[in-house]
């Protein structure tokens, strides 16, 4: 293996935004499950209504977190690209197999 240095000068806004949307959707799944687990037992709903509300709450959390992650990732990528343009990028050392 040889070591090679490369510079990252630009990030793809859409690829970063999609990455953060997917990551945030996973966080939304966890947050939705935790939120429903805490909220449903305190309500006076029947079993069917509780299941429906729980599934709806989890899906809503996933969608909202994914949208927020997409927007946040896009903003972060634009800011990074602006900073990279003024500073010249980030140097990364990679091990390359021959």
N, C-alpha and C. Protein backbone atom coordinates (compact mmCIF):
# COMPACT_ATOMS: atom_id res chain seq x y z
N UNK A 1 0.83 -1.18 0.00
CA UNK A 1 0.00 0.00 0.00
C UNK A 1 0.87 1.24 0.00
N UNK A 2 0.47 2.18 -0.80
CA UNK A 2 1.15 3.47 -0.81
C UNK A 2 0.20 4.53 -0.30
N UNK A 3 0.80 5.55 0.26
CA UNK A 3 -0.02 6.63 0.78
C UNK A 3 -0.05 7.76 -0.23
N UNK A 4 -1.24 8.30 -0.45
CA UNK A 4 -1.43 9.37 -1.42
C UNK A 4 -2.24 10.47 -0.76
N UNK A 5 -1.85 11.72 -1.00
CA UNK A 5 -2.59 12.86 -0.46
C UNK A 5 -3.49 13.43 -1.55
N UNK A 6 -4.73 13.70 -1.19
CA UNK A 6 -5.68 14.33 -2.11
C UNK A 6 -6.33 15.49 -1.38
N UNK A 7 -6.85 16.43 -2.15
CA UNK A 7 -7.57 17.56 -1.58
C UNK A 7 -9.02 17.52 -2.00
N UNK A 8 -9.91 17.70 -1.04
CA UNK A 8 -11.33 17.83 -1.32
C UNK A 8 -11.59 19.32 -1.50
N UNK A 9 -12.01 19.70 -2.69
CA UNK A 9 -12.23 21.11 -2.99
C UNK A 9 -13.71 21.46 -3.11
N UNK A 10 -14.56 20.45 -3.26
CA UNK A 10 -15.99 20.72 -3.44
C UNK A 10 -16.78 19.49 -3.03
N UNK A 11 -17.92 19.71 -2.39
CA UNK A 11 -18.84 18.63 -2.04
C UNK A 11 -20.08 18.73 -2.92
N UNK A 12 -20.60 17.61 -3.35
CA UNK A 12 -21.84 17.60 -4.11
C UNK A 12 -23.01 17.91 -3.19
N UNK A 13 -23.70 19.00 -3.44
CA UNK A 13 -24.77 19.44 -2.55
C UNK A 13 -25.87 18.38 -2.45
N UNK A 14 -26.30 17.82 -3.56
CA UNK A 14 -27.37 16.82 -3.54
C UNK A 14 -26.93 15.54 -2.82
N UNK A 15 -25.69 15.10 -3.04
CA UNK A 15 -25.26 13.86 -2.40
C UNK A 15 -25.14 14.04 -0.89
N UNK A 16 -24.65 15.19 -0.44
CA UNK A 16 -24.57 15.45 0.99
C UNK A 16 -25.98 15.58 1.58
N UNK A 17 -26.86 16.27 0.87
CA UNK A 17 -28.24 16.44 1.35
C UNK A 17 -28.95 15.09 1.46
N UNK A 18 -28.78 14.21 0.47
CA UNK A 18 -29.41 12.89 0.53
C UNK A 18 -28.83 12.03 1.65
N UNK A 19 -27.52 12.11 1.84
CA UNK A 19 -26.90 11.38 2.95
C UNK A 19 -27.49 11.79 4.28
N UNK A 20 -27.58 13.10 4.51
CA UNK A 20 -28.13 13.59 5.77
C UNK A 20 -29.63 13.32 5.90
N UNK A 21 -30.35 13.29 4.78
CA UNK A 21 -31.77 12.96 4.83
C UNK A 21 -31.96 11.52 5.30
N UNK A 22 -31.17 10.60 4.77
CA UNK A 22 -31.27 9.20 5.16
C UNK A 22 -30.84 9.00 6.61
N UNK A 23 -29.73 9.63 6.99
CA UNK A 23 -29.26 9.53 8.37
C UNK A 23 -30.29 10.11 9.34
N UNK A 24 -30.86 11.24 8.99
CA UNK A 24 -31.86 11.88 9.85
C UNK A 24 -33.15 11.06 9.91
N UNK A 25 -33.51 10.40 8.81
CA UNK A 25 -34.69 9.54 8.82
C UNK A 25 -34.51 8.40 9.81
N UNK A 26 -33.30 7.86 9.89
CA UNK A 26 -33.03 6.81 10.88
C UNK A 26 -33.15 7.35 12.30
N UNK A 27 -32.64 8.56 12.52
CA UNK A 27 -32.81 9.21 13.82
C UNK A 27 -34.29 9.46 14.10
N UNK A 28 -35.03 9.84 13.07
CA UNK A 28 -36.47 10.07 13.22
C UNK A 28 -37.21 8.80 13.59
N UNK A 29 -36.77 7.67 13.03
CA UNK A 29 -37.37 6.38 13.39
C UNK A 29 -37.18 6.12 14.88
N UNK A 30 -35.97 6.32 15.36
CA UNK A 30 -35.69 6.10 16.79
C UNK A 30 -36.48 7.08 17.65
N UNK A 31 -36.46 8.36 17.27
CA UNK A 31 -37.20 9.37 18.03
C UNK A 31 -38.70 9.09 18.00
N UNK A 32 -39.22 8.66 16.86
CA UNK A 32 -40.64 8.35 16.75
C UNK A 32 -41.05 7.18 17.63
N UNK A 33 -40.22 6.15 17.64
CA UNK A 33 -40.51 4.99 18.48
C UNK A 33 -40.49 5.39 19.95
N UNK A 34 -39.46 6.14 20.34
CA UNK A 34 -39.37 6.58 21.74
C UNK A 34 -40.53 7.50 22.11
N UNK A 35 -40.88 8.42 21.22
CA UNK A 35 -41.98 9.34 21.48
C UNK A 35 -43.30 8.62 21.63
N UNK A 36 -43.55 7.68 20.74
CA UNK A 36 -44.80 6.92 20.81
C UNK A 36 -44.82 6.04 22.06
N UNK A 37 -43.68 5.43 22.38
CA UNK A 37 -43.62 4.58 23.57
C UNK A 37 -43.92 5.36 24.84
N UNK A 38 -43.59 6.64 24.85
CA UNK A 38 -43.87 7.46 26.03
C UNK A 38 -45.27 8.07 26.00
N UNK A 39 -45.79 8.37 24.81
CA UNK A 39 -47.06 9.09 24.71
C UNK A 39 -48.29 8.18 24.74
N UNK A 40 -48.24 7.07 24.04
CA UNK A 40 -49.42 6.22 23.90
C UNK A 40 -49.91 5.66 25.24
N UNK A 41 -49.04 5.19 26.12
CA UNK A 41 -49.56 4.65 27.39
C UNK A 41 -50.29 5.69 28.25
N UNK A 42 -50.04 6.96 28.01
CA UNK A 42 -50.69 7.99 28.83
C UNK A 42 -52.03 8.43 28.27
N UNK A 43 -52.43 7.87 27.13
CA UNK A 43 -53.70 8.27 26.52
C UNK A 43 -54.79 7.25 26.83
N UNK A 44 -56.01 7.65 26.61
CA UNK A 44 -57.17 6.77 26.85
C UNK A 44 -57.71 6.23 25.53
N UNK A 45 -56.83 5.78 24.65
CA UNK A 45 -57.26 5.27 23.35
C UNK A 45 -57.48 3.77 23.44
N UNK A 46 -58.30 3.26 22.54
CA UNK A 46 -58.44 1.82 22.42
C UNK A 46 -57.19 1.26 21.74
N UNK A 47 -57.08 -0.04 21.67
CA UNK A 47 -55.88 -0.68 21.13
C UNK A 47 -55.68 -0.34 19.65
N UNK A 48 -56.74 -0.37 18.86
CA UNK A 48 -56.63 -0.07 17.43
C UNK A 48 -56.25 1.39 17.22
N UNK A 49 -56.87 2.29 17.95
CA UNK A 49 -56.55 3.72 17.82
C UNK A 49 -55.13 3.99 18.29
N UNK A 50 -54.68 3.30 19.32
CA UNK A 50 -53.32 3.49 19.82
C UNK A 50 -52.29 3.01 18.80
N UNK A 51 -52.56 1.87 18.16
CA UNK A 51 -51.65 1.35 17.14
C UNK A 51 -51.62 2.30 15.95
N UNK A 52 -52.79 2.76 15.52
CA UNK A 52 -52.86 3.68 14.38
C UNK A 52 -52.12 4.99 14.69
N UNK A 53 -52.36 5.54 15.87
CA UNK A 53 -51.69 6.78 16.27
C UNK A 53 -50.19 6.56 16.39
N UNK A 54 -49.80 5.41 16.89
CA UNK A 54 -48.38 5.11 17.03
C UNK A 54 -47.67 5.02 15.69
N UNK A 55 -48.27 4.29 14.75
CA UNK A 55 -47.68 4.17 13.42
C UNK A 55 -47.64 5.53 12.74
N UNK A 56 -48.72 6.29 12.86
CA UNK A 56 -48.75 7.64 12.26
C UNK A 56 -47.69 8.55 12.86
N UNK A 57 -47.52 8.47 14.18
CA UNK A 57 -46.51 9.29 14.83
C UNK A 57 -45.10 8.93 14.40
N UNK A 58 -44.84 7.64 14.27
CA UNK A 58 -43.51 7.20 13.83
C UNK A 58 -43.25 7.64 12.39
N UNK A 59 -44.23 7.46 11.50
CA UNK A 59 -44.05 7.88 10.11
C UNK A 59 -43.87 9.39 9.99
N UNK A 60 -44.63 10.14 10.78
CA UNK A 60 -44.49 11.59 10.77
C UNK A 60 -43.10 12.01 11.23
N UNK A 61 -42.60 11.38 12.27
CA UNK A 61 -41.26 11.69 12.76
C UNK A 61 -40.20 11.39 11.71
N UNK A 62 -40.33 10.25 11.04
CA UNK A 62 -39.36 9.88 9.99
C UNK A 62 -39.35 10.92 8.88
N UNK A 63 -40.53 11.29 8.40
CA UNK A 63 -40.63 12.24 7.29
C UNK A 63 -40.10 13.62 7.69
N UNK A 64 -40.50 14.11 8.86
CA UNK A 64 -40.06 15.44 9.28
C UNK A 64 -38.55 15.48 9.52
N UNK A 65 -38.00 14.45 10.14
CA UNK A 65 -36.56 14.42 10.37
C UNK A 65 -35.81 14.31 9.04
N UNK A 66 -36.33 13.53 8.09
CA UNK A 66 -35.68 13.40 6.78
C UNK A 66 -35.67 14.73 6.04
N UNK A 67 -36.78 15.45 6.08
CA UNK A 67 -36.84 16.77 5.42
C UNK A 67 -35.86 17.73 6.07
N UNK A 68 -35.84 17.74 7.39
CA UNK A 68 -34.89 18.60 8.10
C UNK A 68 -33.44 18.23 7.80
N UNK A 69 -33.16 16.94 7.73
CA UNK A 69 -31.80 16.49 7.40
C UNK A 69 -31.39 16.87 6.00
N UNK A 70 -32.34 16.76 5.05
CA UNK A 70 -32.04 17.13 3.67
C UNK A 70 -31.71 18.62 3.58
N UNK A 71 -32.54 19.44 4.19
CA UNK A 71 -32.32 20.89 4.14
C UNK A 71 -31.02 21.26 4.86
N UNK A 72 -30.81 20.68 6.04
CA UNK A 72 -29.59 20.96 6.79
C UNK A 72 -28.35 20.49 6.05
N UNK A 73 -28.41 19.32 5.42
CA UNK A 73 -27.27 18.81 4.66
C UNK A 73 -26.95 19.68 3.46
N UNK A 74 -27.99 20.16 2.77
CA UNK A 74 -27.78 21.04 1.62
C UNK A 74 -27.14 22.36 2.05
N UNK A 75 -27.63 22.92 3.14
CA UNK A 75 -27.05 24.18 3.64
C UNK A 75 -25.60 23.96 4.06
N UNK A 76 -25.33 22.86 4.75
CA UNK A 76 -23.96 22.57 5.19
C UNK A 76 -23.03 22.41 3.99
N UNK A 77 -23.47 21.71 2.94
CA UNK A 77 -22.64 21.51 1.75
C UNK A 77 -22.33 22.83 1.06
N UNK A 78 -23.32 23.72 0.97
CA UNK A 78 -23.10 25.03 0.35
C UNK A 78 -22.09 25.84 1.18
N UNK A 79 -22.23 25.80 2.50
CA UNK A 79 -21.29 26.52 3.36
C UNK A 79 -19.89 25.92 3.23
N UNK A 80 -19.78 24.58 3.25
CA UNK A 80 -18.48 23.95 3.07
C UNK A 80 -17.86 24.34 1.74
N UNK A 81 -18.64 24.34 0.67
CA UNK A 81 -18.10 24.71 -0.64
C UNK A 81 -17.60 26.15 -0.65
N UNK A 82 -18.30 27.03 0.02
CA UNK A 82 -17.84 28.42 0.11
C UNK A 82 -16.53 28.50 0.87
N UNK A 83 -16.44 27.78 1.99
CA UNK A 83 -15.22 27.79 2.79
C UNK A 83 -14.08 27.13 2.02
N UNK A 84 -14.35 26.02 1.33
CA UNK A 84 -13.31 25.35 0.54
C UNK A 84 -12.78 26.26 -0.55
N UNK A 85 -13.66 27.07 -1.15
CA UNK A 85 -13.23 27.98 -2.23
C UNK A 85 -12.28 29.03 -1.69
N UNK A 86 -12.47 29.45 -0.46
CA UNK A 86 -11.60 30.49 0.09
C UNK A 86 -10.34 29.94 0.74
N UNK A 87 -10.39 28.68 1.22
CA UNK A 87 -9.23 28.12 1.91
C UNK A 87 -8.45 27.12 1.07
N UNK A 88 -9.00 26.67 -0.02
CA UNK A 88 -8.29 25.72 -0.88
C UNK A 88 -8.66 24.27 -0.64
N UNK A 89 -9.55 23.98 0.27
CA UNK A 89 -10.01 22.61 0.47
C UNK A 89 -9.41 21.97 1.70
N UNK A 90 -9.66 20.66 1.83
CA UNK A 90 -9.16 19.87 2.95
C UNK A 90 -8.25 18.79 2.39
N UNK A 91 -7.09 18.64 2.98
CA UNK A 91 -6.16 17.60 2.55
C UNK A 91 -6.47 16.31 3.29
N UNK A 92 -6.57 15.21 2.53
CA UNK A 92 -6.83 13.90 3.09
C UNK A 92 -5.74 12.95 2.62
N UNK A 93 -5.22 12.15 3.55
CA UNK A 93 -4.24 11.14 3.21
C UNK A 93 -4.94 9.80 3.06
N UNK A 94 -4.75 9.15 1.91
CA UNK A 94 -5.39 7.88 1.62
C UNK A 94 -4.33 6.80 1.42
N UNK A 95 -4.66 5.58 1.87
CA UNK A 95 -3.82 4.43 1.57
C UNK A 95 -4.38 3.81 0.28
N UNK A 96 -3.52 3.71 -0.75
CA UNK A 96 -3.95 3.21 -2.05
C UNK A 96 -3.26 1.88 -2.30
N UNK A 97 -4.08 0.86 -2.63
CA UNK A 97 -3.51 -0.44 -2.96
C UNK A 97 -3.10 -0.46 -4.42
N UNK A 98 -1.96 -1.05 -4.70
CA UNK A 98 -1.45 -1.08 -6.07
C UNK A 98 -2.15 -2.13 -6.89
